[in-house]
Structures are given as structure tokens and as C-alpha cells.
């Protein structure tokens, strides 16, 4: 039972870190155009001027 007193805080800290990284990726617009990226990967054309 003493193990739970260590595992619960550790899991909450790791979950909080994961949540912070998720919020960071959402704020940095990494999920803006998932369909466009999928279509560009499958396309045979070269894109000489990709989006920044």
C-alpha cells in the first residue's frame, strides 16, 4: 500500500507534463492542416516552395 503513495503523485506529475506539452503544440499551430499534409505526402509532385 505504501507504493501507491509514490505512484499516484508520479503519475499525476507525468500526466501534467503531457498536458503541458499538448497545450504547447496546440498553441504553436502544429495541428493546423492535417489533411493537406496527408495529400502532399501522397502526391508525386515536388513542392519547391513549402509553407513555413
C-alpha atoms as a PDB file:
ATOM      1  CA  UNK A   1       0.000   0.000   0.000  1.00  0.00           C
ATOM      2  CA  UNK A   2       2.964   2.332   0.504  1.00  0.00           C
ATOM      3  CA  UNK A   3       3.766   2.010  -3.187  1.00  0.00           C
ATOM      4  CA  UNK A   4       0.573   3.887  -4.056  1.00  0.00           C
ATOM      5  CA  UNK A   5       1.776   6.903  -2.122  1.00  0.00           C
ATOM      6  CA  UNK A   6       4.665   7.095  -4.620  1.00  0.00           C
ATOM      7  CA  UNK A   7       2.911   6.027  -7.814  1.00  0.00           C
ATOM      8  CA  UNK A   8      -0.078   8.360  -7.638  1.00  0.00           C
ATOM      9  CA  UNK A   9       1.952  11.606  -7.403  1.00  0.00           C
ATOM     10  CA  UNK A  10       4.381  10.386 -10.069  1.00  0.00           C
ATOM     11  CA  UNK A  11       1.519   9.579 -12.445  1.00  0.00           C
ATOM     12  CA  UNK A  12      -0.104  12.959 -11.800  1.00  0.00           C
ATOM     13  CA  UNK A  13       3.172  14.756 -12.495  1.00  0.00           C
ATOM     14  CA  UNK A  14       3.740  12.812 -15.732  1.00  0.00           C
ATOM     15  CA  UNK A  15       0.158  13.453 -16.815  1.00  0.00           C
ATOM     16  CA  UNK A  16       0.609  17.165 -16.115  1.00  0.00           C
ATOM     17  CA  UNK A  17       3.800  17.253 -18.170  1.00  0.00           C
ATOM     18  CA  UNK A  18       1.998  15.526 -21.043  1.00  0.00           C
ATOM     19  CA  UNK A  19      -0.841  18.035 -20.812  1.00  0.00           C
ATOM     20  CA  UNK A  20       1.617  20.949 -20.874  1.00  0.00           C
ATOM     21  CA  UNK A  21       3.328  19.587 -23.990  1.00  0.00           C
ATOM     22  CA  UNK A  22      -0.053  19.086 -25.669  1.00  0.00           C
ATOM     23  CA  UNK A  23      -1.071  22.682 -24.894  1.00  0.00           C
ATOM     24  CA  UNK A  24       2.296  23.870 -26.249  1.00  0.00           C
ATOM     25  CA  UNK A  25       1.775  22.017 -29.536  1.00  0.00           C
ATOM     26  CA  UNK A  26      -1.764  23.372 -29.915  1.00  0.00           C
ATOM     27  CA  UNK A  27      -0.597  26.960 -29.294  1.00  0.00           C
ATOM     28  CA  UNK A  28       2.269  26.602 -31.775  1.00  0.00           C
ATOM     29  CA  UNK A  29      -0.250  25.607 -34.514  1.00  0.00           C
ATOM     30  CA  UNK A  30       1.158  22.158 -35.231  1.00  0.00           C
ATOM     31  CA  UNK A  31      -2.322  20.743 -35.935  1.00  0.00           C
ATOM     32  CA  UNK A  32      -3.482  23.334 -38.473  1.00  0.00           C
ATOM     33  CA  UNK A  33      -3.622  21.369 -41.734  1.00  0.00           C
ATOM     34  CA  UNK A  34      -3.507  17.580 -41.235  1.00  0.00           C
ATOM     35  CA  UNK A  35      -5.425  16.840 -44.464  1.00  0.00           C
ATOM     36  CA  UNK A  36      -3.120  18.973 -46.580  1.00  0.00           C
ATOM     37  CA  UNK A  37      -0.052  17.252 -45.193  1.00  0.00           C
ATOM     38  CA  UNK A  38      -1.512  13.837 -45.934  1.00  0.00           C
ATOM     39  CA  UNK A  39      -2.263  14.821 -49.519  1.00  0.00           C
ATOM     40  CA  UNK A  40       1.217  16.295 -50.058  1.00  0.00           C
ATOM     41  CA  UNK A  41       2.894  13.102 -48.845  1.00  0.00           C
ATOM     42  CA  UNK A  42       0.952  11.007 -51.359  1.00  0.00           C
ATOM     43  CA  UNK A  43       1.458  13.460 -54.218  1.00  0.00           C
ATOM     44  CA  UNK A  44       4.164  12.793 -56.789  1.00  0.00           C
ATOM     45  CA  UNK A  45       4.789  16.471 -57.432  1.00  0.00           C
ATOM     46  CA  UNK A  46       7.719  18.298 -55.861  1.00  0.00           C
ATOM     47  CA  UNK A  47       6.997  21.389 -53.829  1.00  0.00           C
ATOM     48  CA  UNK A  48       9.890  23.786 -54.356  1.00  0.00           C
ATOM     49  CA  UNK A  49       8.396  26.405 -52.015  1.00  0.00           C
ATOM     50  CA  UNK A  50       6.857  24.655 -48.967  1.00  0.00           C
ATOM     51  CA  UNK A  51       4.875  26.580 -46.386  1.00  0.00           C
ATOM     52  CA  UNK A  52       6.997  27.909 -43.485  1.00  0.00           C
END
